[in-house]
């Protein structure tokens, strides 16, 4: 049985901050140090990396979920819930929560006869609850944070490339 109650948005964001975002943060920190950045530039670039990493992971999770190529099942079996499902559960009424838990457990148990219908139903719920849109808004929020943090202290062509990279998400 899968426990949707065990994960909330803050825990999910902390998990991806420690996982994916920490790699981006380390890369931009090292790049800023190697480039001889001032303390302010190093901080700004480090935070750019973290925010970019958050947006990147959120986008990756969203794409996996909406591609319907088995990623939902893969994430569930690894015990990983993504933000759209967490949001859907949080905004659902009790009866809908029970149905969602039942549907997700059917997927985890490998009920091939239900997989297509359950996956389609979950995607419909994600759209109807605006959970996909909520996740897209979070991506935009982290992109804005990443570009804002490097707007002031750094004025260069590389900064323009970083901003362009973030906006490409």
C-alpha atoms as a PDB file:
ATOM      1  CA  UNK A   1       0.000   0.000   0.000  1.00  0.00           C
ATOM      2  CA  UNK A   2       1.242   3.437  -0.950  1.00  0.00           C
ATOM      3  CA  UNK A   3       1.067   6.293   1.546  1.00  0.00           C
ATOM      4  CA  UNK A   4       0.226   9.633  -0.006  1.00  0.00           C
ATOM      5  CA  UNK A   5      -0.105  11.124   3.457  1.00  0.00           C
ATOM      6  CA  UNK A   6       3.595  10.600   4.102  1.00  0.00           C
ATOM      7  CA  UNK A   7       4.780  13.268   1.642  1.00  0.00           C
ATOM      8  CA  UNK A   8       3.941  16.947   1.457  1.00  0.00           C
ATOM      9  CA  UNK A   9       5.144  19.740  -0.797  1.00  0.00           C
ATOM     10  CA  UNK A  10       7.797  21.043   1.601  1.00  0.00           C
ATOM     11  CA  UNK A  11       9.323  17.576   1.988  1.00  0.00           C
ATOM     12  CA  UNK A  12       9.309  17.081  -1.779  1.00  0.00           C
ATOM     13  CA  UNK A  13      11.008  20.443  -2.395  1.00  0.00           C
ATOM     14  CA  UNK A  14      13.596  19.668   0.289  1.00  0.00           C
ATOM     15  CA  UNK A  15      14.278  16.308  -1.368  1.00  0.00           C
ATOM     16  CA  UNK A  16      14.882  17.810  -4.806  1.00  0.00           C
ATOM     17  CA  UNK A  17      16.936  20.657  -3.296  1.00  0.00           C
ATOM     18  CA  UNK A  18      19.226  18.039  -1.726  1.00  0.00           C
ATOM     19  CA  UNK A  19      19.209  15.817  -4.812  1.00  0.00           C
ATOM     20  CA  UNK A  20      19.249  17.593  -8.175  1.00  0.00           C
ATOM     21  CA  UNK A  21      19.519  21.222  -7.139  1.00  0.00           C
ATOM     22  CA  UNK A  22      22.608  20.562  -5.020  1.00  0.00           C
ATOM     23  CA  UNK A  23      24.481  19.384  -8.124  1.00  0.00           C
ATOM     24  CA  UNK A  24      23.650  22.581 -10.016  1.00  0.00           C
ATOM     25  CA  UNK A  25      24.486  24.624  -6.937  1.00  0.00           C
ATOM     26  CA  UNK A  26      27.901  22.964  -6.613  1.00  0.00           C
ATOM     27  CA  UNK A  27      28.656  23.438 -10.305  1.00  0.00           C
ATOM     28  CA  UNK A  28      27.867  27.146 -10.272  1.00  0.00           C
ATOM     29  CA  UNK A  29      29.711  27.632  -6.974  1.00  0.00           C
ATOM     30  CA  UNK A  30      32.849  25.976  -8.349  1.00  0.00           C
ATOM     31  CA  UNK A  31      32.554  27.919 -11.607  1.00  0.00           C
ATOM     32  CA  UNK A  32      32.245  31.209  -9.744  1.00  0.00           C
ATOM     33  CA  UNK A  33      35.283  30.396  -7.591  1.00  0.00           C
ATOM     34  CA  UNK A  34      37.342  29.249 -10.573  1.00  0.00           C
ATOM     35  CA  UNK A  35      36.372  32.397 -12.438  1.00  0.00           C
ATOM     36  CA  UNK A  36      37.645  34.602  -9.615  1.00  0.00           C
ATOM     37  CA  UNK A  37      34.241  35.952  -8.651  1.00  0.00           C
ATOM     38  CA  UNK A  38      33.766  38.340  -5.784  1.00  0.00           C
ATOM     39  CA  UNK A  39      32.002  37.082  -2.660  1.00  0.00           C
ATOM     40  CA  UNK A  40      28.754  38.599  -3.925  1.00  0.00           C
ATOM     41  CA  UNK A  41      29.168  37.053  -7.390  1.00  0.00           C
ATOM     42  CA  UNK A  42      29.962  33.636  -5.914  1.00  0.00           C
ATOM     43  CA  UNK A  43      26.835  33.814  -3.737  1.00  0.00           C
ATOM     44  CA  UNK A  44      24.640  34.978  -6.640  1.00  0.00           C
ATOM     45  CA  UNK A  45      25.893  32.289  -8.997  1.00  0.00           C
ATOM     46  CA  UNK A  46      25.583  29.611  -6.312  1.00  0.00           C
ATOM     47  CA  UNK A  47      21.962  30.543  -5.674  1.00  0.00           C
ATOM     48  CA  UNK A  48      21.342  30.759  -9.430  1.00  0.00           C
ATOM     49  CA  UNK A  49      22.469  27.125  -9.648  1.00  0.00           C
ATOM     50  CA  UNK A  50      20.189  26.029  -6.831  1.00  0.00           C
ATOM     51  CA  UNK A  51      17.117  27.785  -8.222  1.00  0.00           C
ATOM     52  CA  UNK A  52      17.869  26.575 -11.738  1.00  0.00           C
ATOM     53  CA  UNK A  53      18.280  23.037 -10.390  1.00  0.00           C
ATOM     54  CA  UNK A  54      14.906  23.247  -8.652  1.00  0.00           C
ATOM     55  CA  UNK A  55      13.220  24.413 -11.855  1.00  0.00           C
ATOM     56  CA  UNK A  56      15.028  21.736 -13.853  1.00  0.00           C
ATOM     57  CA  UNK A  57      13.909  18.893 -11.569  1.00  0.00           C
ATOM     58  CA  UNK A  58      10.325  20.158 -11.384  1.00  0.00           C
ATOM     59  CA  UNK A  59      10.230  20.334 -15.176  1.00  0.00           C
ATOM     60  CA  UNK A  60      11.726  16.857 -15.485  1.00  0.00           C
ATOM     61  CA  UNK A  61       9.126  15.440 -13.098  1.00  0.00           C
ATOM     62  CA  UNK A  62       6.329  17.209 -14.982  1.00  0.00           C
ATOM     63  CA  UNK A  63       7.528  15.921 -18.355  1.00  0.00           C
ATOM     64  CA  UNK A  64       7.870  12.381 -17.002  1.00  0.00           C
ATOM     65  CA  UNK A  65       4.345  12.475 -15.667  1.00  0.00           C
ATOM     66  CA  UNK A  66       2.716  13.892 -18.787  1.00  0.00           C
ATOM     67  CA  UNK A  67       4.617  11.692 -21.244  1.00  0.00           C
ATOM     68  CA  UNK A  68       2.643   8.637 -20.033  1.00  0.00           C
ATOM     69  CA  UNK A  69       5.523   6.327 -20.925  1.00  0.00           C
ATOM     70  CA  UNK A  70       5.581   4.413 -17.672  1.00  0.00           C
ATOM     71  CA  UNK A  71       7.344   7.126 -15.670  1.00  0.00           C
ATOM     72  CA  UNK A  72       4.445   7.453 -13.251  1.00  0.00           C
ATOM     73  CA  UNK A  73       4.715   3.766 -12.455  1.00  0.00           C
ATOM     74  CA  UNK A  74       8.527   3.919 -12.209  1.00  0.00           C
ATOM     75  CA  UNK A  75       8.362   6.846  -9.759  1.00  0.00           C
ATOM     76  CA  UNK A  76       5.697   5.146  -7.661  1.00  0.00           C
ATOM     77  CA  UNK A  77       7.614   1.880  -7.427  1.00  0.00           C
ATOM     78  CA  UNK A  78      10.704   3.765  -6.280  1.00  0.00           C
ATOM     79  CA  UNK A  79       8.589   5.407  -3.580  1.00  0.00           C
ATOM     80  CA  UNK A  80       8.860   8.817  -5.195  1.00  0.00           C
ATOM     81  CA  UNK A  81       5.937  11.190  -5.454  1.00  0.00           C
ATOM     82  CA  UNK A  82       6.238  14.290  -7.607  1.00  0.00           C
ATOM     83  CA  UNK A  83       4.720  17.720  -7.012  1.00  0.00           C
ATOM     84  CA  UNK A  84       1.702  17.348  -9.347  1.00  0.00           C
ATOM     85  CA  UNK A  85       0.528  14.210  -7.501  1.00  0.00           C
ATOM     86  CA  UNK A  86       1.233  15.754  -4.111  1.00  0.00           C
ATOM     87  CA  UNK A  87      -0.777  18.837  -5.090  1.00  0.00           C
ATOM     88  CA  UNK A  88      -3.619  16.710  -6.487  1.00  0.00           C
ATOM     89  CA  UNK A  89      -3.842  14.781  -3.228  1.00  0.00           C
ATOM     90  CA  UNK A  90      -3.716  17.944  -1.104  1.00  0.00           C
ATOM     91  CA  UNK A  91      -6.560  19.665  -3.005  1.00  0.00           C
ATOM     92  CA  UNK A  92      -8.775  16.576  -3.276  1.00  0.00           C
ATOM     93  CA  UNK A  93     -11.793  15.830  -1.129  1.00  0.00           C
ATOM     94  CA  UNK A  94     -11.661  12.737   1.093  1.00  0.00           C
ATOM     95  CA  UNK A  95     -13.553  10.489  -1.339  1.00  0.00           C
ATOM     96  CA  UNK A  96     -11.263  11.560  -4.197  1.00  0.00           C
ATOM     97  CA  UNK A  97      -8.218  10.922  -1.992  1.00  0.00           C
ATOM     98  CA  UNK A  98      -9.392   7.354  -1.344  1.00  0.00           C
ATOM     99  CA  UNK A  99      -9.937   6.757  -5.091  1.00  0.00           C
ATOM    100  CA  UNK A 100      -6.510   8.216  -5.900  1.00  0.00           C
ATOM    101  CA  UNK A 101      -4.840   5.973  -3.303  1.00  0.00           C
ATOM    102  CA  UNK A 102      -6.674   2.968  -4.721  1.00  0.00           C
ATOM    103  CA  UNK A 103      -5.669   3.866  -8.282  1.00  0.00           C
ATOM    104  CA  UNK A 104      -2.021   4.375  -7.364  1.00  0.00           C
ATOM    105  CA  UNK A 105      -1.928   1.106  -5.422  1.00  0.00           C
ATOM    106  CA  UNK A 106      -3.382  -0.710  -8.458  1.00  0.00           C
ATOM    107  CA  UNK A 107      -0.499   0.660 -10.526  1.00  0.00           C
ATOM    108  CA  UNK A 108       2.088  -0.311  -7.919  1.00  0.00           C
ATOM    109  CA  UNK A 109       0.651  -3.820  -7.667  1.00  0.00           C
ATOM    110  CA  UNK A 110       1.137  -4.219 -11.409  1.00  0.00           C
ATOM    111  CA  UNK A 111      -2.520  -4.469 -12.370  1.00  0.00           C
ATOM    112  CA  UNK A 112      -1.907  -4.370 -16.137  1.00  0.00           C
ATOM    113  CA  UNK A 113      -5.653  -4.672 -16.817  1.00  0.00           C
ATOM    114  CA  UNK A 114      -6.231  -1.318 -15.074  1.00  0.00           C
ATOM    115  CA  UNK A 115      -3.016   0.497 -15.974  1.00  0.00           C
ATOM    116  CA  UNK A 116      -4.229   2.366 -19.077  1.00  0.00           C
ATOM    117  CA  UNK A 117      -7.547   3.481 -17.566  1.00  0.00           C
ATOM    118  CA  UNK A 118      -6.038   4.428 -14.203  1.00  0.00           C
ATOM    119  CA  UNK A 119      -3.216   6.407 -15.791  1.00  0.00           C
ATOM    120  CA  UNK A 120      -5.667   8.269 -18.042  1.00  0.00           C
ATOM    121  CA  UNK A 121      -7.946   8.991 -15.068  1.00  0.00           C
ATOM    122  CA  UNK A 122      -5.044  10.324 -12.986  1.00  0.00           C
ATOM    123  CA  UNK A 123      -3.911  12.573 -15.831  1.00  0.00           C
ATOM    124  CA  UNK A 124      -7.475  13.908 -16.195  1.00  0.00           C
ATOM    125  CA  UNK A 125      -7.558  14.646 -12.462  1.00  0.00           C
ATOM    126  CA  UNK A 126      -4.175  16.378 -12.655  1.00  0.00           C
ATOM    127  CA  UNK A 127      -5.546  18.651 -15.370  1.00  0.00           C
ATOM    128  CA  UNK A 128      -8.924  19.261 -13.691  1.00  0.00           C
ATOM    129  CA  UNK A 129      -7.347  20.053 -10.316  1.00  0.00           C
ATOM    130  CA  UNK A 130      -4.881  22.438 -11.999  1.00  0.00           C
ATOM    131  CA  UNK A 131      -2.061  20.408 -10.431  1.00  0.00           C
ATOM    132  CA  UNK A 132      -0.046  20.449 -13.668  1.00  0.00           C
ATOM    133  CA  UNK A 133      -0.524  24.207 -13.890  1.00  0.00           C
ATOM    134  CA  UNK A 134       0.484  24.548 -10.236  1.00  0.00           C
ATOM    135  CA  UNK A 135       3.724  22.720 -11.028  1.00  0.00           C
ATOM    136  CA  UNK A 136       4.326  24.930 -14.090  1.00  0.00           C
ATOM    137  CA  UNK A 137       3.853  27.985 -11.868  1.00  0.00           C
ATOM    138  CA  UNK A 138       6.463  26.632  -9.441  1.00  0.00           C
ATOM    139  CA  UNK A 139       8.870  26.146 -12.349  1.00  0.00           C
ATOM    140  CA  UNK A 140       8.301  29.761 -13.416  1.00  0.00           C
ATOM    141  CA  UNK A 141       8.842  30.893  -9.826  1.00  0.00           C
ATOM    142  CA  UNK A 142      12.230  29.175  -9.617  1.00  0.00           C
ATOM    143  CA  UNK A 143      13.242  30.440 -13.058  1.00  0.00           C
ATOM    144  CA  UNK A 144      12.387  33.982 -11.956  1.00  0.00           C
ATOM    145  CA  UNK A 145      14.394  33.516  -8.750  1.00  0.00           C
ATOM    146  CA  UNK A 146      17.378  32.221 -10.712  1.00  0.00           C
ATOM    147  CA  UNK A 147      17.402  35.096 -13.182  1.00  0.00           C
ATOM    148  CA  UNK A 148      16.704  37.753 -10.537  1.00  0.00           C
ATOM    149  CA  UNK A 149      19.553  36.640  -8.273  1.00  0.00           C
ATOM    150  CA  UNK A 150      22.140  37.228 -11.005  1.00  0.00           C
ATOM    151  CA  UNK A 151      20.614  40.384 -12.461  1.00  0.00           C
ATOM    152  CA  UNK A 152      22.460  42.874 -10.245  1.00  0.00           C
ATOM    153  CA  UNK A 153      26.009  41.864  -9.344  1.00  0.00           C
ATOM    154  CA  UNK A 154      27.008  40.329 -12.666  1.00  0.00           C
ATOM    155  CA  UNK A 155      26.945  42.226 -15.934  1.00  0.00           C
ATOM    156  CA  UNK A 156      28.393  40.206 -18.747  1.00  0.00           C
ATOM    157  CA  UNK A 157      27.777  38.070 -21.774  1.00  0.00           C
ATOM    158  CA  UNK A 158      28.011  34.844 -19.694  1.00  0.00           C
ATOM    159  CA  UNK A 159      25.215  36.189 -17.475  1.00  0.00           C
ATOM    160  CA  UNK A 160      23.038  36.656 -20.554  1.00  0.00           C
ATOM    161  CA  UNK A 161      23.694  33.016 -21.491  1.00  0.00           C
ATOM    162  CA  UNK A 162      22.712  31.840 -17.992  1.00  0.00           C
ATOM    163  CA  UNK A 163      19.482  33.835 -18.133  1.00  0.00           C
ATOM    164  CA  UNK A 164      18.732  32.456 -21.587  1.00  0.00           C
ATOM    165  CA  UNK A 165      19.430  28.908 -20.325  1.00  0.00           C
ATOM    166  CA  UNK A 166      17.058  29.360 -17.373  1.00  0.00           C
ATOM    167  CA  UNK A 167      14.299  30.792 -19.541  1.00  0.00           C
ATOM    168  CA  UNK A 168      14.653  27.898 -21.971  1.00  0.00           C
ATOM    169  CA  UNK A 169      13.170  25.598 -19.320  1.00  0.00           C
END
